[in-house]
Amino acid sequence: SEERYALTLMALDDGLWDWDVQSGSAYFSAAYYDMLGYADEEFKACYGTWRDLVHPEDLERVERDLRCSIESGKGFNI
């Protein structure tokens, strides 16, 4: 199933990031790095890095929406 998931991500050619709040681990897809203009795994996939990539004018709204997602258990999509 992991192989199918990886193939699906490649076929979509869509940037994806995933953050496991409990463990703190994160995943940034190769397309995510690419759409931001970086090489795959050029920087560490973690919440702090993701937060630093959010435009400063959007940060308050994005973090508010993220907190609501965590508290409600609903998805977060920006």
PDB file of N, CA and C in Angstrom:
ATOM      1  N   SER A   1       0.823  -1.201   0.000  1.00  0.00           N
ATOM      2  CA  SER A   1       0.000   0.000   0.000  1.00  0.00           C
ATOM      3  C   SER A   1       0.865   1.263   0.000  1.00  0.00           C
ATOM      4  N   GLU A   2       2.022   1.203   0.629  1.00  0.00           N
ATOM      5  CA  GLU A   2       2.912   2.368   0.612  1.00  0.00           C
ATOM      6  C   GLU A   2       3.393   2.668  -0.798  1.00  0.00           C
ATOM      7  N   GLU A   3       3.687   1.620  -1.554  1.00  0.00           N
ATOM      8  CA  GLU A   3       4.137   1.809  -2.937  1.00  0.00           C
ATOM      9  C   GLU A   3       3.023   2.442  -3.768  1.00  0.00           C
ATOM     10  N   ARG A   4       1.794   1.983  -3.604  1.00  0.00           N
ATOM     11  CA  ARG A   4       0.664   2.564  -4.339  1.00  0.00           C
ATOM     12  C   ARG A   4       0.471   4.025  -3.958  1.00  0.00           C
ATOM     13  N   TYR A   5       0.609   4.325  -2.681  1.00  0.00           N
ATOM     14  CA  TYR A   5       0.477   5.701  -2.204  1.00  0.00           C
ATOM     15  C   TYR A   5       1.548   6.586  -2.845  1.00  0.00           C
ATOM     16  N   ALA A   6       2.778   6.115  -2.873  1.00  0.00           N
ATOM     17  CA  ALA A   6       3.878   6.871  -3.480  1.00  0.00           C
ATOM     18  C   ALA A   6       3.618   7.092  -4.967  1.00  0.00           C
ATOM     19  N   LEU A   7       3.144   6.073  -5.654  1.00  0.00           N
ATOM     20  CA  LEU A   7       2.842   6.208  -7.077  1.00  0.00           C
ATOM     21  C   LEU A   7       1.689   7.194  -7.309  1.00  0.00           C
ATOM     22  N   THR A   8       0.715   7.173  -6.442  1.00  0.00           N
ATOM     23  CA  THR A   8      -0.397   8.118  -6.549  1.00  0.00           C
ATOM     24  C   THR A   8       0.094   9.545  -6.387  1.00  0.00           C
ATOM     25  N   LEU A   9       0.960   9.778  -5.412  1.00  0.00           N
ATOM     26  CA  LEU A   9       1.506  11.117  -5.207  1.00  0.00           C
ATOM     27  C   LEU A   9       2.271  11.597  -6.433  1.00  0.00           C
ATOM     28  N   MET A  10       3.068  10.710  -7.008  1.00  0.00           N
ATOM     29  CA  MET A  10       3.838  11.084  -8.200  1.00  0.00           C
ATOM     30  C   MET A  10       2.896  11.401  -9.359  1.00  0.00           C
ATOM     31  N   ALA A  11       1.844  10.622  -9.522  1.00  0.00           N
ATOM     32  CA  ALA A  11       0.907  10.834 -10.626  1.00  0.00           C
ATOM     33  C   ALA A  11       0.148  12.143 -10.461  1.00  0.00           C
ATOM     34  N   LEU A  12      -0.182  12.504  -9.231  1.00  0.00           N
ATOM     35  CA  LEU A  12      -0.910  13.745  -8.995  1.00  0.00           C
ATOM     36  C   LEU A  12      -0.035  14.967  -9.233  1.00  0.00           C
ATOM     37  N   ASP A  13       1.261  14.801  -9.040  1.00  0.00           N
ATOM     38  CA  ASP A  13       2.202  15.911  -9.152  1.00  0.00           C
ATOM     39  C   ASP A  13       1.729  17.107  -8.329  1.00  0.00           C
ATOM     40  N   ASP A  14       1.271  16.811  -7.126  1.00  0.00           N
ATOM     41  CA  ASP A  14       0.744  17.826  -6.232  1.00  0.00           C
ATOM     42  C   ASP A  14       1.601  17.858  -4.977  1.00  0.00           C
ATOM     43  N   GLY A  15       1.870  19.041  -4.484  1.00  0.00           N
ATOM     44  CA  GLY A  15       2.647  19.159  -3.262  1.00  0.00           C
ATOM     45  C   GLY A  15       1.838  18.702  -2.065  1.00  0.00           C
ATOM     46  N   LEU A  16       2.464  17.941  -1.203  1.00  0.00           N
ATOM     47  CA  LEU A  16       1.781  17.429  -0.028  1.00  0.00           C
ATOM     48  C   LEU A  16       2.708  17.510   1.168  1.00  0.00           C
ATOM     49  N   TRP A  17       2.175  17.984   2.269  1.00  0.00           N
ATOM     50  CA  TRP A  17       2.909  17.894   3.520  1.00  0.00           C
ATOM     51  C   TRP A  17       1.992  17.257   4.545  1.00  0.00           C
ATOM     52  N   ASP A  18       2.583  16.536   5.458  1.00  0.00           N
ATOM     53  CA  ASP A  18       1.827  15.832   6.477  1.00  0.00           C
ATOM     54  C   ASP A  18       2.569  15.980   7.787  1.00  0.00           C
ATOM     55  N   TRP A  19       1.846  16.298   8.838  1.00  0.00           N
ATOM     56  CA  TRP A  19       2.451  16.516  10.144  1.00  0.00           C
ATOM     57  C   TRP A  19       1.716  15.671  11.172  1.00  0.00           C
ATOM     58  N   ASP A  20       2.423  14.798  11.845  1.00  0.00           N
ATOM     59  CA  ASP A  20       1.870  14.005  12.933  1.00  0.00           C
ATOM     60  C   ASP A  20       2.060  14.814  14.206  1.00  0.00           C
ATOM     61  N   VAL A  21       0.992  15.419  14.665  1.00  0.00           N
ATOM     62  CA  VAL A  21       1.062  16.335  15.809  1.00  0.00           C
ATOM     63  C   VAL A  21       1.600  15.634  17.048  1.00  0.00           C
ATOM     64  N   GLN A  22       1.159  14.408  17.288  1.00  0.00           N
ATOM     65  CA  GLN A  22       1.578  13.710  18.506  1.00  0.00           C
ATOM     66  C   GLN A  22       3.061  13.385  18.503  1.00  0.00           C
ATOM     67  N   SER A  23       3.586  12.906  17.381  1.00  0.00           N
ATOM     68  CA  SER A  23       4.997  12.524  17.356  1.00  0.00           C
ATOM     69  C   SER A  23       5.906  13.679  16.961  1.00  0.00           C
ATOM     70  N   GLY A  24       5.330  14.679  16.296  1.00  0.00           N
ATOM     71  CA  GLY A  24       6.131  15.801  15.819  1.00  0.00           C
ATOM     72  C   GLY A  24       6.791  15.544  14.480  1.00  0.00           C
ATOM     73  N   SER A  25       6.660  14.322  13.956  1.00  0.00           N
ATOM     74  CA  SER A  25       7.296  14.021  12.671  1.00  0.00           C
ATOM     75  C   SER A  25       6.499  14.642  11.532  1.00  0.00           C
ATOM     76  N   ALA A  26       7.178  14.901  10.439  1.00  0.00           N
ATOM     77  CA  ALA A  26       6.539  15.517   9.284  1.00  0.00           C
ATOM     78  C   ALA A  26       7.059  14.886   8.006  1.00  0.00           C
ATOM     79  N   TYR A  27       6.301  15.086   6.951  1.00  0.00           N
ATOM     80  CA  TYR A  27       6.670  14.592   5.630  1.00  0.00           C
ATOM     81  C   TYR A  27       6.348  15.675   4.617  1.00  0.00           C
ATOM     82  N   PHE A  28       7.293  15.979   3.748  1.00  0.00           N
ATOM     83  CA  PHE A  28       7.067  16.874   2.620  1.00  0.00           C
ATOM     84  C   PHE A  28       7.332  16.050   1.364  1.00  0.00           C
ATOM     85  N   SER A  29       6.376  16.021   0.438  1.00  0.00           N
ATOM     86  CA  SER A  29       6.580  15.260  -0.793  1.00  0.00           C
ATOM     87  C   SER A  29       7.610  15.965  -1.675  1.00  0.00           C
ATOM     88  N   ALA A  30       8.188  15.215  -2.601  1.00  0.00           N
ATOM     89  CA  ALA A  30       9.157  15.791  -3.536  1.00  0.00           C
ATOM     90  C   ALA A  30       8.516  16.932  -4.318  1.00  0.00           C
ATOM     91  N   ALA A  31       7.235  16.765  -4.694  1.00  0.00           N
ATOM     92  CA  ALA A  31       6.539  17.821  -5.434  1.00  0.00           C
ATOM     93  C   ALA A  31       6.347  19.070  -4.578  1.00  0.00           C
ATOM     94  N   TYR A  32       6.202  18.892  -3.272  1.00  0.00           N
ATOM     95  CA  TYR A  32       6.067  20.037  -2.358  1.00  0.00           C
ATOM     96  C   TYR A  32       7.355  20.866  -2.383  1.00  0.00           C
ATOM     97  N   TYR A  33       8.488  20.195  -2.233  1.00  0.00           N
ATOM     98  CA  TYR A  33       9.771  20.901  -2.316  1.00  0.00           C
ATOM     99  C   TYR A  33       9.883  21.609  -3.665  1.00  0.00           C
ATOM    100  N   ASP A  34       9.561  20.883  -4.739  1.00  0.00           N
ATOM    101  CA  ASP A  34       9.698  21.413  -6.093  1.00  0.00           C
ATOM    102  C   ASP A  34       8.827  22.637  -6.323  1.00  0.00           C
ATOM    103  N   MET A  35       7.562  22.591  -5.879  1.00  0.00           N
ATOM    104  CA  MET A  35       6.672  23.730  -6.123  1.00  0.00           C
ATOM    105  C   MET A  35       7.113  24.969  -5.351  1.00  0.00           C
ATOM    106  N   LEU A  36       7.923  24.769  -4.312  1.00  0.00           N
ATOM    107  CA  LEU A  36       8.471  25.892  -3.558  1.00  0.00           C
ATOM    108  C   LEU A  36       9.842  26.333  -4.076  1.00  0.00           C
ATOM    109  N   GLY A  37      10.340  25.603  -5.077  1.00  0.00           N
ATOM    110  CA  GLY A  37      11.615  25.986  -5.678  1.00  0.00           C
ATOM    111  C   GLY A  37      12.833  25.382  -5.003  1.00  0.00           C
ATOM    112  N   TYR A  38      12.650  24.292  -4.275  1.00  0.00           N
ATOM    113  CA  TYR A  38      13.753  23.648  -3.574  1.00  0.00           C
ATOM    114  C   TYR A  38      13.975  22.236  -4.110  1.00  0.00           C
ATOM    115  N   ALA A  39      15.161  21.720  -3.881  1.00  0.00           N
ATOM    116  CA  ALA A  39      15.454  20.326  -4.218  1.00  0.00           C
ATOM    117  C   ALA A  39      14.808  19.426  -3.170  1.00  0.00           C
ATOM    118  N   ASP A  40      14.464  18.214  -3.575  1.00  0.00           N
ATOM    119  CA  ASP A  40      13.865  17.245  -2.661  1.00  0.00           C
ATOM    120  C   ASP A  40      14.764  17.079  -1.431  1.00  0.00           C
ATOM    121  N   GLU A  41      14.171  17.208  -0.260  1.00  0.00           N
ATOM    122  CA  GLU A  41      14.853  17.060   1.027  1.00  0.00           C
ATOM    123  C   GLU A  41      15.959  18.092   1.251  1.00  0.00           C
ATOM    124  N   GLU A  42      15.836  19.261   0.587  1.00  0.00           N
ATOM    125  CA  GLU A  42      16.840  20.315   0.772  1.00  0.00           C
ATOM    126  C   GLU A  42      16.846  20.854   2.201  1.00  0.00           C
ATOM    127  N   PHE A  43      15.714  20.804   2.853  1.00  0.00           N
ATOM    128  CA  PHE A  43      15.639  21.215   4.251  1.00  0.00           C
ATOM    129  C   PHE A  43      14.780  20.206   5.009  1.00  0.00           C
ATOM    130  N   LYS A  44      14.917  20.213   6.305  1.00  0.00           N
ATOM    131  CA  LYS A  44      14.236  19.240   7.161  1.00  0.00           C
ATOM    132  C   LYS A  44      12.720  19.431   7.095  1.00  0.00           C
ATOM    133  N   ALA A  45      12.007  18.322   6.982  1.00  0.00           N
ATOM    134  CA  ALA A  45      10.545  18.336   7.022  1.00  0.00           C
ATOM    135  C   ALA A  45      10.110  18.354   8.483  1.00  0.00           C
ATOM    136  N   CYS A  46       9.667  19.515   8.953  1.00  0.00           N
ATOM    137  CA  CYS A  46       9.183  19.644  10.323  1.00  0.00           C
ATOM    138  C   CYS A  46       8.246  20.840  10.397  1.00  0.00           C
ATOM    139  N   TYR A  47       7.491  20.917  11.476  1.00  0.00           N
ATOM    140  CA  TYR A  47       6.538  22.012  11.627  1.00  0.00           C
ATOM    141  C   TYR A  47       7.231  23.370  11.576  1.00  0.00           C
ATOM    142  N   GLY A  48       8.361  23.514  12.246  1.00  0.00           N
ATOM    143  CA  GLY A  48       9.063  24.793  12.272  1.00  0.00           C
ATOM    144  C   GLY A  48       9.442  25.273  10.884  1.00  0.00           C
ATOM    145  N   THR A  49       9.915  24.360  10.064  1.00  0.00           N
ATOM    146  CA  THR A  49      10.267  24.715   8.690  1.00  0.00           C
ATOM    147  C   THR A  49       9.018  25.116   7.924  1.00  0.00           C
ATOM    148  N   TRP A  50       7.955  24.320   8.050  1.00  0.00           N
ATOM    149  CA  TRP A  50       6.702  24.636   7.365  1.00  0.00           C
ATOM    150  C   TRP A  50       6.213  26.022   7.773  1.00  0.00           C
ATOM    151  N   ARG A  51       6.243  26.302   9.072  1.00  0.00           N
ATOM    152  CA  ARG A  51       5.778  27.605   9.582  1.00  0.00           C
ATOM    153  C   ARG A  51       6.608  28.741   8.989  1.00  0.00           C
ATOM    154  N   ASP A  52       7.907  28.539   8.893  1.00  0.00           N
ATOM    155  CA  ASP A  52       8.782  29.566   8.330  1.00  0.00           C
ATOM    156  C   ASP A  52       8.477  29.850   6.858  1.00  0.00           C
ATOM    157  N   LEU A  53       7.873  28.877   6.166  1.00  0.00           N
ATOM    158  CA  LEU A  53       7.558  29.044   4.747  1.00  0.00           C
ATOM    159  C   LEU A  53       6.233  29.773   4.507  1.00  0.00           C
ATOM    160  N   VAL A  54       5.415  29.897   5.544  1.00  0.00           N
ATOM    161  CA  VAL A  54       4.140  30.604   5.404  1.00  0.00           C
ATOM    162  C   VAL A  54       4.419  32.101   5.299  1.00  0.00           C
ATOM    163  N   HIS A  55       3.738  32.756   4.365  1.00  0.00           N
ATOM    164  CA  HIS A  55       3.916  34.208   4.201  1.00  0.00           C
ATOM    165  C   HIS A  55       3.529  34.904   5.506  1.00  0.00           C
ATOM    166  N   PRO A  56       4.331  35.862   5.965  1.00  0.00           N
ATOM    167  CA  PRO A  56       4.073  36.530   7.251  1.00  0.00           C
ATOM    168  C   PRO A  56       2.660  37.116   7.363  1.00  0.00           C
ATOM    169  N   GLU A  57       2.107  37.621   6.276  1.00  0.00           N
ATOM    170  CA  GLU A  57       0.762  38.195   6.323  1.00  0.00           C
ATOM    171  C   GLU A  57      -0.319  37.126   6.510  1.00  0.00           C
ATOM    172  N   ASP A  58       0.003  35.875   6.197  1.00  0.00           N
ATOM    173  CA  ASP A  58      -0.962  34.784   6.311  1.00  0.00           C
ATOM    174  C   ASP A  58      -0.795  33.973   7.592  1.00  0.00           C
ATOM    175  N   LEU A  59       0.302  34.180   8.299  1.00  0.00           N
ATOM    176  CA  LEU A  59       0.656  33.306   9.411  1.00  0.00           C
ATOM    177  C   LEU A  59      -0.406  33.245  10.507  1.00  0.00           C
ATOM    178  N   GLU A  60      -0.937  34.363  10.929  1.00  0.00           N
ATOM    179  CA  GLU A  60      -1.937  34.360  12.002  1.00  0.00           C
ATOM    180  C   GLU A  60      -3.166  33.543  11.591  1.00  0.00           C
ATOM    181  N   ARG A  61      -3.678  33.755  10.392  1.00  0.00           N
ATOM    182  CA  ARG A  61      -4.854  33.031   9.910  1.00  0.00           C
ATOM    183  C   ARG A  61      -4.565  31.543   9.767  1.00  0.00           C
ATOM    184  N   VAL A  62      -3.414  31.224   9.192  1.00  0.00           N
ATOM    185  CA  VAL A  62      -3.061  29.829   8.963  1.00  0.00           C
ATOM    186  C   VAL A  62      -2.905  29.087  10.293  1.00  0.00           C
ATOM    187  N   GLU A  63      -2.238  29.682  11.253  1.00  0.00           N
ATOM    188  CA  GLU A  63      -2.071  29.023  12.548  1.00  0.00           C
ATOM    189  C   GLU A  63      -3.408  28.888  13.287  1.00  0.00           C
ATOM    190  N   ARG A  64      -4.283  29.884  13.140  1.00  0.00           N
ATOM    191  CA  ARG A  64      -5.621  29.782  13.742  1.00  0.00           C
ATOM    192  C   ARG A  64      -6.384  28.614  13.124  1.00  0.00           C
ATOM    193  N   ASP A  65      -6.354  28.518  11.786  1.00  0.00           N
ATOM    194  CA  ASP A  65      -7.043  27.432  11.103  1.00  0.00           C
ATOM    195  C   ASP A  65      -6.445  26.071  11.473  1.00  0.00           C
ATOM    196  N   LEU A  66      -5.134  26.031  11.631  1.00  0.00           N
ATOM    197  CA  LEU A  66      -4.470  24.789  12.020  1.00  0.00           C
ATOM    198  C   LEU A  66      -4.894  24.362  13.421  1.00  0.00           C
ATOM    199  N   ARG A  67      -4.926  25.306  14.358  1.00  0.00           N
ATOM    200  CA  ARG A  67      -5.380  24.992  15.726  1.00  0.00           C
ATOM    201  C   ARG A  67      -6.812  24.459  15.717  1.00  0.00           C
ATOM    202  N   CYS A  68      -7.692  25.099  14.935  1.00  0.00           N
ATOM    203  CA  CYS A  68      -9.083  24.641  14.841  1.00  0.00           C
ATOM    204  C   CYS A  68      -9.142  23.223  14.297  1.00  0.00           C
ATOM    205  N   SER A  69      -8.299  22.921  13.320  1.00  0.00           N
ATOM    206  CA  SER A  69      -8.256  21.585  12.738  1.00  0.00           C
ATOM    207  C   SER A  69      -7.831  20.556  13.785  1.00  0.00           C
ATOM    208  N   ILE A  70      -6.814  20.882  14.548  1.00  0.00           N
ATOM    209  CA  ILE A  70      -6.323  19.966  15.580  1.00  0.00           C
ATOM    210  C   ILE A  70      -7.396  19.747  16.638  1.00  0.00           C
ATOM    211  N   GLU A  71      -8.040  20.817  17.065  1.00  0.00           N
ATOM    212  CA  GLU A  71      -9.049  20.718  18.115  1.00  0.00           C
ATOM    213  C   GLU A  71     -10.306  19.988  17.656  1.00  0.00           C
ATOM    214  N   SER A  72     -10.691  20.176  16.400  1.00  0.00           N
ATOM    215  CA  SER A  72     -11.927  19.580  15.892  1.00  0.00           C
ATOM    216  C   SER A  72     -11.715  18.189  15.301  1.00  0.00           C
ATOM    217  N   GLY A  73     -10.474  17.885  14.931  1.00  0.00           N
ATOM    218  CA  GLY A  73     -10.191  16.605  14.278  1.00  0.00           C
ATOM    219  C   GLY A  73     -10.520  16.608  12.795  1.00  0.00           C
ATOM    220  N   LYS A  74     -10.896  17.766  12.263  1.00  0.00           N
ATOM    221  CA  LYS A  74     -11.208  17.885  10.841  1.00  0.00           C
ATOM    222  C   LYS A  74      -9.929  18.179  10.070  1.00  0.00           C
ATOM    223  N   GLY A  75      -9.969  17.958   8.775  1.00  0.00           N
ATOM    224  CA  GLY A  75      -8.799  18.172   7.934  1.00  0.00           C
ATOM    225  C   GLY A  75      -8.387  19.628   7.853  1.00  0.00           C
ATOM    226  N   PHE A  76      -7.180  19.830   7.402  1.00  0.00           N
ATOM    227  CA  PHE A  76      -6.610  21.156   7.222  1.00  0.00           C
ATOM    228  C   PHE A  76      -6.077  21.237   5.822  1.00  0.00           C
ATOM    229  N   ASN A  77      -6.572  22.185   5.058  1.00  0.00           N
ATOM    230  CA  ASN A  77      -6.177  22.312   3.660  1.00  0.00           C
ATOM    231  C   ASN A  77      -6.009  23.783   3.337  1.00  0.00           C
ATOM    232  N   ILE A  78      -4.813  24.148   2.901  1.00  0.00           N
ATOM    233  CA  ILE A  78      -4.600  25.544   2.517  1.00  0.00           C
ATOM    234  C   ILE A  78      -4.081  25.611   1.098  1.00  0.00           C
TER     235      ILE A  78
END
